[in-house]
Amino acid sequence: MPLTRDEDIKALLEGARTIALVGASDRPDRPSYDVMKRLQDHGYRVIPVNPQITGEHVHGEFVFRELAQLGDPIDIVDIFRRPQAAGEAVDEAIKIGAKAVWMQLGVVNDEAAARAEAAGLTVVMDRCPAIEIPRLGVAPVTGD
């Protein structure tokens, strides 16, 4: 079951340091653009992933084509994709050994969530970390 309890979501966010943002955009009018900046401002390292803008930079970070290109361990894969396309990102998250997948507001894919959980990943669906962080009082990420 995806996480729904506030204390579990808060613990996930407080334990994370690195987030891969699948579906990142370089367009300021897109929600993923704002969410990426808000996560960075909270102290997370956010790595943008989007095959359409690979090689560009968003908020100072190089944009990768796919999760498999990332060399760093990923705590959360934040998915800004249509529900039917989220499964591919979840499968990639499983392959790279991410700890959790987070499907954004409006992104609900029960089959993909079940695959992630069966592989040992934590799942959050239909929520936004940029909303949950202030709502839950998540402490800023520090360099510890």
Protein backbone atom coordinates (compact mmCIF):
# COMPACT_ATOMS: atom_id res chain seq x y z
CA MET A 1 0.00 0.00 0.00
CA PRO A 2 1.27 3.48 -0.82
CA LEU A 3 2.11 5.63 2.18
CA THR A 4 -0.82 7.66 3.46
CA ARG A 5 0.03 8.35 7.10
CA ASP A 6 1.53 11.78 7.69
CA GLU A 7 4.25 10.45 9.97
CA ASP A 8 5.40 7.90 7.34
CA ILE A 9 5.51 10.52 4.58
CA LYS A 10 7.39 12.92 6.85
CA ALA A 11 9.93 10.20 7.74
CA LEU A 12 10.48 9.43 4.05
CA LEU A 13 11.08 13.10 3.25
CA GLU A 14 13.36 13.63 6.24
CA GLY A 15 15.42 10.56 5.35
CA ALA A 16 15.94 11.60 1.74
CA ARG A 17 18.82 13.63 0.35
CA THR A 18 18.77 13.01 -3.42
CA ILE A 19 15.67 13.14 -5.61
CA ALA A 20 15.48 12.32 -9.32
CA LEU A 21 12.70 14.33 -10.93
CA VAL A 22 11.33 12.46 -13.96
CA GLY A 23 9.50 14.81 -16.28
CA ALA A 24 11.45 17.88 -15.19
CA SER A 25 10.79 20.94 -17.31
CA ASP A 26 12.82 23.99 -18.26
CA ARG A 27 9.60 25.97 -18.71
CA PRO A 28 8.70 28.22 -15.74
CA ASP A 29 4.98 27.72 -16.39
CA ARG A 30 5.21 23.98 -15.70
CA PRO A 31 4.59 22.63 -12.17
CA SER A 32 7.73 20.45 -12.26
CA TYR A 33 9.88 23.56 -12.74
CA ASP A 34 8.56 25.16 -9.56
CA VAL A 35 8.57 21.94 -7.55
CA MET A 36 12.21 21.26 -8.47
CA LYS A 37 13.23 24.72 -7.24
CA ARG A 38 11.24 24.38 -4.02
CA LEU A 39 12.88 21.00 -3.30
CA GLN A 40 16.33 22.47 -3.96
CA ASP A 41 15.55 25.41 -1.71
CA HIS A 42 14.71 22.91 1.04
CA GLY A 43 18.18 21.38 0.68
CA TYR A 44 17.60 18.35 -1.53
CA ARG A 45 19.84 17.56 -4.48
CA VAL A 46 17.39 17.26 -7.35
CA ILE A 47 18.50 15.62 -10.59
CA PRO A 48 16.24 16.38 -13.56
CA VAL A 49 15.38 13.60 -16.03
CA ASN A 50 13.67 14.36 -19.34
CA PRO A 51 14.65 12.91 -22.74
CA GLN A 52 13.24 15.96 -24.55
CA ILE A 53 15.71 18.38 -22.92
CA THR A 54 18.69 16.07 -22.26
CA GLY A 55 21.92 18.01 -21.94
CA GLU A 56 20.22 21.24 -20.92
CA HIS A 57 20.35 22.60 -17.38
CA VAL A 58 17.39 23.26 -15.09
CA HIS A 59 18.04 25.21 -11.89
CA GLY A 60 21.76 24.58 -12.34
CA GLU A 61 21.48 20.79 -12.73
CA PHE A 62 22.31 18.83 -15.90
CA VAL A 63 19.25 17.11 -17.38
CA PHE A 64 19.64 13.38 -17.99
CA ARG A 65 17.79 11.29 -20.58
CA GLU A 66 16.92 8.42 -18.25
CA LEU A 67 17.37 7.21 -14.70
CA ALA A 68 19.88 4.56 -15.81
CA GLN A 69 22.37 7.36 -16.57
CA LEU A 70 22.50 8.57 -12.98
CA GLY A 71 25.56 7.48 -11.09
CA ASP A 72 24.44 8.60 -7.65
CA PRO A 73 22.17 6.64 -5.31
CA ILE A 74 18.63 7.99 -5.49
CA ASP A 75 16.41 8.21 -2.44
CA ILE A 76 13.19 9.25 -4.20
CA VAL A 77 12.16 9.21 -7.85
CA ASP A 78 9.55 11.97 -8.17
CA ILE A 79 7.37 11.25 -11.22
CA PHE A 80 5.76 14.03 -13.26
CA ARG A 81 4.27 11.82 -15.98
CA ARG A 82 0.75 10.87 -17.02
CA PRO A 83 -0.56 7.92 -14.98
CA GLN A 84 -0.27 5.50 -17.93
CA ALA A 85 3.37 6.56 -18.50
CA ALA A 86 4.34 6.41 -14.83
CA GLY A 87 4.88 2.66 -14.98
CA GLU A 88 7.95 3.05 -17.16
CA ALA A 89 9.52 5.47 -14.67
CA VAL A 90 8.67 3.11 -11.82
CA ASP A 91 10.32 0.20 -13.64
CA GLU A 92 13.45 2.31 -14.20
CA ALA A 93 13.44 3.31 -10.51
CA ILE A 94 13.37 -0.36 -9.55
CA LYS A 95 16.29 -1.12 -11.90
CA ILE A 96 18.51 1.62 -10.46
CA GLY A 97 17.77 0.62 -6.86
CA ALA A 98 15.93 3.77 -5.80
CA LYS A 99 14.52 3.65 -2.28
CA ALA A 100 11.14 5.20 -3.13
CA VAL A 101 8.90 6.37 -5.94
CA TRP A 102 6.67 9.38 -5.55
CA MET A 103 3.87 9.89 -8.06
CA GLN A 104 2.74 13.50 -8.27
CA LEU A 105 -0.76 14.92 -7.80
CA GLY A 106 -3.11 13.27 -10.28
CA VAL A 107 -0.68 10.43 -10.97
CA VAL A 108 -2.23 7.17 -9.81
CA ASN A 109 -1.02 3.87 -11.24
CA ASP A 110 -1.88 0.98 -8.93
CA GLU A 111 -0.13 -1.64 -11.08
CA ALA A 112 3.14 0.31 -11.09
CA ALA A 113 2.83 0.94 -7.35
CA ALA A 114 2.39 -2.79 -6.75
CA ARG A 115 5.51 -3.57 -8.82
CA ALA A 116 7.51 -1.01 -6.86
CA GLU A 117 6.35 -2.34 -3.51
CA ALA A 118 7.04 -5.94 -4.58
CA ALA A 119 10.61 -4.81 -5.37
CA GLY A 120 10.95 -3.26 -1.90
CA LEU A 121 10.45 0.40 -2.77
CA THR A 122 8.35 2.78 -0.72
CA VAL A 123 5.51 4.34 -2.72
CA VAL A 124 3.65 7.64 -2.44
CA MET A 125 0.89 8.42 -4.94
CA ASP A 126 -1.20 11.44 -5.83
CA ARG A 127 0.72 13.87 -3.61
CA CYS A 128 3.30 16.59 -4.09
CA PRO A 129 6.41 16.77 -1.89
CA ALA A 130 6.50 20.56 -2.24
CA ILE A 131 3.07 20.67 -0.61
CA GLU A 132 3.77 17.96 1.98
CA ILE A 133 7.07 19.47 3.21
CA PRO A 134 5.58 22.66 4.70
CA ARG A 135 2.32 20.95 5.68
CA LEU A 136 4.18 18.31 7.71
CA GLY A 137 6.93 20.62 9.00
CA VAL A 138 9.72 18.61 7.38
CA ALA A 139 13.10 19.85 8.57
CA PRO A 140 15.41 21.29 5.89
CA VAL A 141 18.01 18.90 4.52
CA THR A 142 21.44 19.51 5.99
CA GLY A 143 24.86 18.27 4.93
CA ASP A 144 25.15 15.74 7.77
